[in-house]
Amino acid sequence: MTHLWVRAEQRANEERVGLTPEGAAQLIEAGLRVTVEQSSFRAIPIAAYREAGCEIAAENSWPDAPLDAIIFGLKELPEDGTPLTHRHILFGHAYKGQPAGQVLLKRFKAGGGTLYDLEYLVDETGRRVAAFGYWAGFAGAAVALKCWAAQQRDEIIGPVSTYAGSKALLDELSAELNAIGAHRPTALVIGALGRVGTGAADLCAAMDVTVTKWDMEETAHGGPFPEVLDHDIFLNCILARPDTPVFVPAIAKTAPRRLTVIGDIACDPDSVFSPVKVYDRTTTWDEPALRVQDVPLLDVTAIDNLPSMLPVESSVDYGEQLLPSLLTLGDLSRGVWGRAKATFDEHMKGL
């Protein structure tokens, strides 16, 4: 019997989960065994999983799970250097040259385990079968607007937190912008036709922000892109890949510009393929913005778990997208799982 073990997230400010109780019930009905760890932070209560028929395990007990269990979480594992013996499903961030990713792969090599990276669960056309993109874009645009609003008050944005739902976020942000006055910034969204860009553009539209929407057609010439500097806010919604052009070069920090806020929603600053070259590290919930230039002013927001600001909506959305693939876990050699394993094997060769 295929055994899926849903671990508790061990990262601060992470309340999401990739499997809802309703999805768990469907897996159990299909013949899978499902164990869910208790969690001090998960937005969906453990009682709902118990009622769905799941086995309940202690929080963070996955290292002692049966070796045949498939460990499923979203964000990174604790960086304790221990060998990884299980098969793991998670966002590994390990295939684009990230230093922490190389350490993770070496842990899999040491323990003989396998990484099924959620970013690389793709269909026959190469499209991801599940993504948090819409809510990442929605929340990322909100943080960028909060950053801009703070600048209008001659401040830097303070800590951000989770919201019970998108309406609560919109109400708070609207009140913050209205307190400044009628003026609204302009925003440029690159990747506007994708999931992330759609979420970002929808948030901006809800706040009466004028949005310029760019996608592949507008960026195909490869740059430079002076139009980025002519907007108040730039929202990058394109994942870093070898063929991604540079949208914001390092010289933009001191160049004449209208731009004062960059929301790097794709958020991959330590990748050599990053299209935003004015910063080198992610930002946090406690310190959402990195001030990279005082004159002319420029702040970068780059939180790498933005959908967790709306943990219930993003979990339900993602869980519904991923469930059809989880139902095929009984055969890891084919389909999305076989492709993910092939990607893992290829990157392990370089260690």
Protein backbone atom coordinates (compact mmCIF):
# COMPACT_ATOMS: atom_id res chain seq x y z
CA MET A 1 0.00 0.00 0.00
CA THR A 2 1.36 3.42 -0.98
CA HIS A 3 1.94 5.45 2.17
CA LEU A 4 1.86 9.25 1.99
CA TRP A 5 3.17 11.04 5.08
CA VAL A 6 2.23 14.73 5.30
CA ARG A 7 4.80 16.42 7.52
CA ALA A 8 4.38 19.57 9.56
CA GLU A 9 6.16 22.58 8.08
CA GLN A 10 9.18 23.58 10.14
CA ARG A 11 9.68 27.03 8.74
CA ALA A 12 8.52 30.22 10.42
CA ASN A 13 5.44 31.89 8.94
CA GLU A 14 4.42 28.78 7.03
CA GLU A 15 0.83 27.70 7.62
CA ARG A 16 0.08 26.11 4.24
CA VAL A 17 -0.36 22.45 3.44
CA GLY A 18 -0.41 20.65 0.09
CA LEU A 19 -3.24 18.25 0.93
CA THR A 20 -6.65 19.21 2.29
CA PRO A 21 -8.80 16.86 4.38
CA GLU A 22 -11.13 16.45 1.41
CA GLY A 23 -8.20 15.45 -0.78
CA ALA A 24 -6.91 13.07 1.89
CA ALA A 25 -10.31 11.35 1.99
CA GLN A 26 -10.12 10.79 -1.76
CA LEU A 27 -6.64 9.28 -1.48
CA ILE A 28 -7.78 6.93 1.28
CA GLU A 29 -10.80 5.90 -0.78
CA ALA A 30 -8.42 5.16 -3.67
CA GLY A 31 -6.45 2.77 -1.45
CA LEU A 32 -3.58 4.93 -0.20
CA ARG A 33 -2.50 5.12 3.41
CA VAL A 34 -2.30 8.72 4.62
CA THR A 35 -0.53 9.92 7.75
CA VAL A 36 -0.70 13.59 8.74
CA GLU A 37 1.54 15.09 11.40
CA GLN A 38 0.14 17.35 14.04
CA SER A 39 1.21 20.95 13.55
CA SER A 40 1.43 23.99 15.78
CA PHE A 41 0.96 26.31 12.79
CA ARG A 42 -1.03 24.66 9.99
CA ALA A 43 -4.06 26.76 8.99
CA ILE A 44 -6.27 23.68 8.56
CA PRO A 45 -6.92 21.95 11.91
CA ILE A 46 -5.75 18.37 12.52
CA ALA A 47 -9.27 17.33 13.58
CA ALA A 48 -10.43 17.67 9.98
CA TYR A 49 -7.77 15.18 8.84
CA ARG A 50 -8.69 12.77 11.60
CA GLU A 51 -12.33 12.93 10.52
CA ALA A 52 -11.23 12.24 6.94
CA GLY A 53 -9.70 8.94 8.06
CA CYS A 54 -6.03 9.90 8.22
CA GLU A 55 -3.62 8.44 10.74
CA ILE A 56 -2.21 11.17 12.99
CA ALA A 57 1.48 11.36 13.90
CA ALA A 58 3.46 13.59 16.23
CA GLU A 59 4.75 16.89 14.92
CA ASN A 60 8.11 16.65 13.12
CA SER A 61 8.27 12.87 13.51
CA TRP A 62 8.85 12.21 9.80
CA PRO A 63 12.53 11.20 10.20
CA ASP A 64 11.25 8.10 12.03
CA ALA A 65 8.55 7.31 9.48
CA PRO A 66 8.67 3.88 7.79
CA LEU A 67 11.29 3.87 5.03
CA ASP A 68 8.67 3.12 2.40
CA ALA A 69 6.65 6.23 3.32
CA ILE A 70 6.69 9.14 0.88
CA ILE A 71 7.26 12.32 2.90
CA PHE A 72 5.25 15.27 1.61
CA GLY A 73 5.82 18.88 2.63
CA LEU A 74 6.07 22.23 0.91
CA LYS A 75 9.03 24.23 2.12
CA GLU A 76 12.59 23.26 2.92
CA LEU A 77 13.68 20.68 5.47
CA PRO A 78 15.68 21.65 8.56
CA GLU A 79 19.27 22.33 7.50
CA ASP A 80 20.86 19.92 9.94
CA GLY A 81 23.01 18.04 7.44
CA THR A 82 21.47 14.64 8.15
CA PRO A 83 21.35 12.11 5.28
CA LEU A 84 17.90 11.82 3.70
CA THR A 85 16.75 8.24 3.31
CA HIS A 86 13.10 8.69 2.34
CA ARG A 87 11.43 9.72 -0.87
CA HIS A 88 10.46 13.38 -0.41
CA ILE A 89 8.00 15.63 -2.20
CA LEU A 90 8.79 19.32 -1.63
CA PHE A 91 10.00 22.52 -3.24
CA GLY A 92 13.72 21.80 -3.22
CA HIS A 93 15.07 24.91 -5.01
CA ALA A 94 18.06 22.76 -5.90
CA TYR A 95 18.39 22.72 -9.68
CA LYS A 96 19.45 26.26 -10.58
CA GLY A 97 22.81 26.42 -8.90
CA GLN A 98 21.56 27.59 -5.52
CA PRO A 99 24.20 26.85 -2.84
CA ALA A 100 21.64 25.54 -0.34
CA GLY A 101 20.19 23.34 -3.05
CA GLN A 102 23.52 21.65 -3.64
CA VAL A 103 23.75 20.89 0.06
CA LEU A 104 20.27 19.37 -0.08
CA LEU A 105 21.15 17.12 -3.02
CA LYS A 106 24.26 15.92 -1.22
CA ARG A 107 22.07 14.91 1.72
CA PHE A 108 19.94 12.83 -0.65
CA LYS A 109 23.07 11.27 -2.10
CA ALA A 110 24.34 10.41 1.39
CA GLY A 111 21.08 8.79 2.47
CA GLY A 112 19.96 7.22 -0.78
CA GLY A 113 16.65 9.08 -0.79
CA THR A 114 14.89 10.76 -3.70
CA LEU A 115 13.58 14.27 -4.29
CA TYR A 116 10.38 14.73 -6.26
CA ASP A 117 10.56 18.49 -6.63
CA LEU A 118 7.13 20.11 -6.74
CA GLU A 119 8.41 22.74 -9.15
CA TYR A 120 9.30 19.97 -11.61
CA LEU A 121 6.05 18.02 -11.53
CA VAL A 122 5.11 18.70 -15.14
CA ASP A 123 2.79 17.30 -17.77
CA GLU A 124 3.81 16.07 -21.23
CA THR A 125 4.14 19.66 -22.48
CA GLY A 126 6.40 20.73 -19.62
CA ARG A 127 3.73 22.75 -17.82
CA ARG A 128 3.60 22.45 -14.04
CA VAL A 129 0.60 20.43 -12.87
CA ALA A 130 0.18 22.49 -9.70
CA ALA A 131 1.38 25.88 -8.56
CA PHE A 132 0.76 28.46 -5.87
CA GLY A 133 1.34 31.11 -8.50
CA TYR A 134 -1.91 33.04 -8.39
CA TRP A 135 -1.80 33.65 -4.66
CA ALA A 136 1.94 34.37 -4.77
CA GLY A 137 1.24 37.11 -7.29
CA PHE A 138 -1.73 38.42 -5.35
CA ALA A 139 0.14 38.60 -2.04
CA GLY A 140 3.39 39.78 -3.65
CA ALA A 141 1.67 42.71 -5.30
CA ALA A 142 0.04 43.58 -1.98
CA VAL A 143 3.41 43.63 -0.20
CA ALA A 144 4.89 45.81 -2.97
CA LEU A 145 1.99 48.26 -2.63
CA LYS A 146 2.43 48.32 1.14
CA CYS A 147 6.10 49.09 0.54
CA TRP A 148 5.19 51.97 -1.79
CA ALA A 149 2.67 53.30 0.73
CA ALA A 150 5.32 53.26 3.45
CA GLN A 151 7.64 55.25 1.18
CA GLN A 152 4.95 57.92 0.80
CA ARG A 153 5.03 58.23 4.60
CA ASP A 154 8.85 58.48 4.52
CA GLU A 155 9.04 55.06 6.15
CA ILE A 156 10.10 51.54 5.27
CA ILE A 157 7.47 48.82 5.35
CA GLY A 158 7.00 47.06 8.68
CA PRO A 159 6.33 43.36 9.36
CA VAL A 160 3.64 41.49 7.45
CA SER A 161 1.50 38.60 8.66
CA THR A 162 -1.15 36.09 7.59
CA TYR A 163 -4.76 36.95 6.77
CA ALA A 164 -7.94 34.99 7.30
CA GLY A 165 -8.75 35.54 3.64
CA SER A 166 -8.18 37.75 0.63
CA LYS A 167 -11.01 40.13 1.60
CA ALA A 168 -9.27 40.96 4.87
CA LEU A 169 -6.06 41.73 2.99
CA LEU A 170 -7.84 43.90 0.43
CA ASP A 171 -9.72 45.83 3.12
CA GLU A 172 -6.53 46.57 5.05
CA LEU A 173 -4.55 47.58 1.97
CA SER A 174 -7.35 49.79 0.66
CA ALA A 175 -7.51 51.63 3.98
CA GLU A 176 -3.73 52.10 3.96
CA LEU A 177 -3.71 53.55 0.44
CA ASN A 178 -6.75 55.74 1.07
CA ALA A 179 -5.02 57.25 4.08
CA ILE A 180 -2.34 58.58 1.74
CA GLY A 181 -4.83 60.21 -0.63
CA ALA A 182 -6.25 59.72 -4.09
CA HIS A 183 -2.88 59.22 -5.80
CA ARG A 184 -2.12 55.70 -6.94
CA PRO A 185 1.17 54.37 -8.33
CA THR A 186 1.72 52.79 -11.73
CA ALA A 187 2.90 49.19 -11.99
CA LEU A 188 4.54 47.04 -14.64
CA VAL A 189 3.90 43.29 -14.44
CA ILE A 190 6.21 41.01 -16.43
CA GLY A 191 4.78 37.54 -16.88
CA ALA A 192 1.26 38.94 -16.86
CA LEU A 193 -0.32 36.02 -18.72
CA GLY A 194 0.88 33.41 -16.23
CA ARG A 195 -0.61 32.37 -12.91
CA VAL A 196 1.66 34.64 -10.86
CA GLY A 197 1.20 37.63 -13.12
CA THR A 198 -2.57 37.20 -13.20
CA GLY A 199 -2.70 37.26 -9.41
CA ALA A 200 -0.48 40.34 -9.28
CA ALA A 201 -2.52 42.19 -11.90
CA ASP A 202 -5.80 41.30 -10.17
CA LEU A 203 -4.57 42.72 -6.86
CA CYS A 204 -3.42 45.92 -8.56
CA ALA A 205 -6.74 46.28 -10.37
CA ALA A 206 -8.61 45.83 -7.10
CA MET A 207 -6.60 48.75 -5.70
CA ASP A 208 -7.18 50.99 -8.76
CA VAL A 209 -3.50 50.81 -9.71
CA THR A 210 -2.78 51.38 -13.40
CA VAL A 211 -1.07 48.22 -14.67
CA THR A 212 1.09 47.69 -17.74
CA LYS A 213 0.99 43.99 -18.60
CA TRP A 214 3.94 42.39 -20.36
CA ASP A 215 4.57 38.80 -21.29
CA MET A 216 6.72 36.88 -23.79
CA GLU A 217 5.90 39.08 -26.77
CA GLU A 218 7.02 42.28 -25.05
CA THR A 219 10.24 40.76 -23.67
CA ALA A 220 11.29 38.64 -26.67
CA HIS A 221 13.85 41.19 -27.89
CA GLY A 222 15.97 40.44 -24.81
CA GLY A 223 16.40 43.97 -23.51
CA PRO A 224 17.34 46.44 -22.34
CA PHE A 225 13.98 47.39 -20.83
CA PRO A 226 13.99 51.11 -19.96
CA GLU A 227 10.21 51.01 -19.52
CA VAL A 228 10.71 49.22 -16.21
CA LEU A 229 12.27 52.36 -14.79
CA ASP A 230 9.34 54.50 -15.94
CA HIS A 231 6.87 52.86 -13.53
CA ASP A 232 6.56 53.33 -9.77
CA ILE A 233 6.46 49.60 -9.11
CA PHE A 234 7.92 46.67 -11.04
CA LEU A 235 6.54 43.18 -10.36
CA ASN A 236 8.66 40.31 -11.66
CA CYS A 237 6.50 37.22 -12.13
CA ILE A 238 8.83 35.14 -14.32
CA LEU A 239 10.85 32.24 -12.94
CA ALA A 240 14.60 32.50 -13.42
CA ARG A 241 15.74 30.28 -16.30
CA PRO A 242 18.86 30.19 -18.50
CA ASP A 243 17.08 32.16 -21.25
CA THR A 244 15.51 34.79 -18.97
CA PRO A 245 16.70 38.31 -19.90
CA VAL A 246 17.81 40.84 -17.31
CA PHE A 247 14.96 43.22 -16.54
CA VAL A 248 16.71 45.32 -13.89
CA PRO A 249 20.51 45.58 -14.28
CA ALA A 250 22.74 46.60 -11.39
CA ILE A 251 23.21 50.08 -12.86
CA ALA A 252 19.50 50.75 -12.36
CA LYS A 253 20.16 51.54 -8.71
CA THR A 254 21.75 54.88 -9.55
CA ALA A 255 20.02 55.57 -12.87
CA PRO A 256 17.40 58.31 -13.25
CA ARG A 257 14.06 56.58 -12.76
CA ARG A 258 10.51 56.76 -11.49
CA LEU A 259 10.82 53.25 -10.11
CA THR A 260 11.01 53.03 -6.30
CA VAL A 261 9.70 49.51 -5.55
CA ILE A 262 10.61 46.16 -7.05
CA GLY A 263 8.44 43.23 -6.08
CA ASP A 264 10.47 40.21 -7.13
CA ILE A 265 7.66 37.72 -6.70
CA ALA A 266 9.52 34.94 -8.53
CA CYS A 267 12.19 35.52 -5.91
CA ASP A 268 15.35 33.65 -6.88
CA PRO A 269 18.14 36.14 -6.09
CA ASP A 270 20.90 33.58 -5.57
CA SER A 271 20.36 32.02 -8.99
CA VAL A 272 22.76 33.12 -11.71
CA PHE A 273 19.71 33.44 -13.96
CA SER A 274 17.93 36.02 -11.78
CA PRO A 275 16.57 38.86 -13.95
CA VAL A 276 16.78 41.39 -11.11
CA LYS A 277 20.42 42.30 -10.42
CA VAL A 278 20.08 45.00 -7.77
CA TYR A 279 19.86 42.70 -4.73
CA ASP A 280 21.31 39.41 -3.52
CA ARG A 281 19.10 37.96 -0.79
CA THR A 282 15.48 37.28 0.02
CA THR A 283 13.52 39.42 2.42
CA THR A 284 11.47 38.23 5.39
CA TRP A 285 8.08 38.66 7.02
CA ASP A 286 9.69 40.71 9.77
CA GLU A 287 11.65 42.84 7.29
CA PRO A 288 9.76 42.63 4.00
CA ALA A 289 11.83 45.21 2.12
CA LEU A 290 15.51 45.55 1.42
CA ARG A 291 16.55 49.15 0.81
CA VAL A 292 19.15 48.88 -1.94
CA GLN A 293 19.48 52.59 -2.70
CA ASP A 294 18.73 55.73 -0.71
CA VAL A 295 19.10 58.31 -3.49
CA PRO A 296 17.22 57.77 -5.70
CA LEU A 297 15.12 55.60 -3.40
CA LEU A 298 14.74 51.92 -4.25
CA ASP A 299 13.30 49.10 -2.11
CA VAL A 300 13.07 45.42 -3.09
CA THR A 301 10.52 43.02 -1.65
CA ALA A 302 11.35 39.33 -2.18
CA ILE A 303 9.56 37.02 0.25
CA ASP A 304 9.83 33.42 -0.89
CA ASN A 305 6.65 32.03 0.71
CA LEU A 306 4.15 34.72 -0.20
CA PRO A 307 1.11 32.44 -0.60
CA SER A 308 1.33 31.65 3.11
CA MET A 309 -0.04 35.13 3.77
CA LEU A 310 -3.35 33.60 2.62
CA PRO A 311 -2.80 30.05 3.86
CA VAL A 312 -6.31 28.61 3.60
CA GLU A 313 -7.17 29.90 0.12
CA SER A 314 -3.75 29.02 -1.28
CA SER A 315 -3.77 25.54 0.30
CA VAL A 316 -7.22 24.70 -1.05
CA ASP A 317 -6.31 25.96 -4.53
CA TYR A 318 -2.99 24.11 -4.66
CA GLY A 319 -4.39 20.94 -3.14
CA GLU A 320 -7.09 20.73 -5.80
CA GLN A 321 -4.50 21.14 -8.55
CA LEU A 322 -2.11 18.53 -7.13
CA LEU A 323 -4.63 15.87 -6.10
CA PRO A 324 -4.89 14.14 -9.51
CA SER A 325 -1.12 13.57 -9.45
CA LEU A 326 -1.16 12.34 -5.85
CA LEU A 327 -3.75 9.78 -6.89
CA THR A 328 -1.12 8.27 -9.23
CA LEU A 329 1.54 7.83 -6.50
CA GLY A 330 1.14 4.08 -6.78
CA ASP A 331 3.34 4.16 -9.90
CA LEU A 332 6.28 6.50 -9.45
CA SER A 333 7.98 5.31 -12.62
CA ARG A 334 5.67 7.06 -15.05
CA GLY A 335 3.89 10.36 -15.64
CA VAL A 336 4.68 13.41 -13.52
CA TRP A 337 6.57 11.33 -10.95
CA GLY A 338 8.72 9.58 -13.53
CA ARG A 339 9.63 12.91 -15.11
CA ALA A 340 10.46 14.42 -11.71
CA LYS A 341 12.66 11.43 -10.87
CA ALA A 342 14.51 11.77 -14.19
CA THR A 343 15.20 15.43 -13.42
CA PHE A 344 16.51 14.49 -9.98
CA ASP A 345 18.73 11.76 -11.40
CA GLU A 346 20.18 14.13 -13.97
CA HIS A 347 21.16 16.71 -11.38
CA MET A 348 22.59 14.08 -9.07
CA LYS A 349 25.11 13.18 -11.76
CA GLY A 350 26.83 16.53 -11.30
CA LEU A 351 27.59 16.04 -7.61
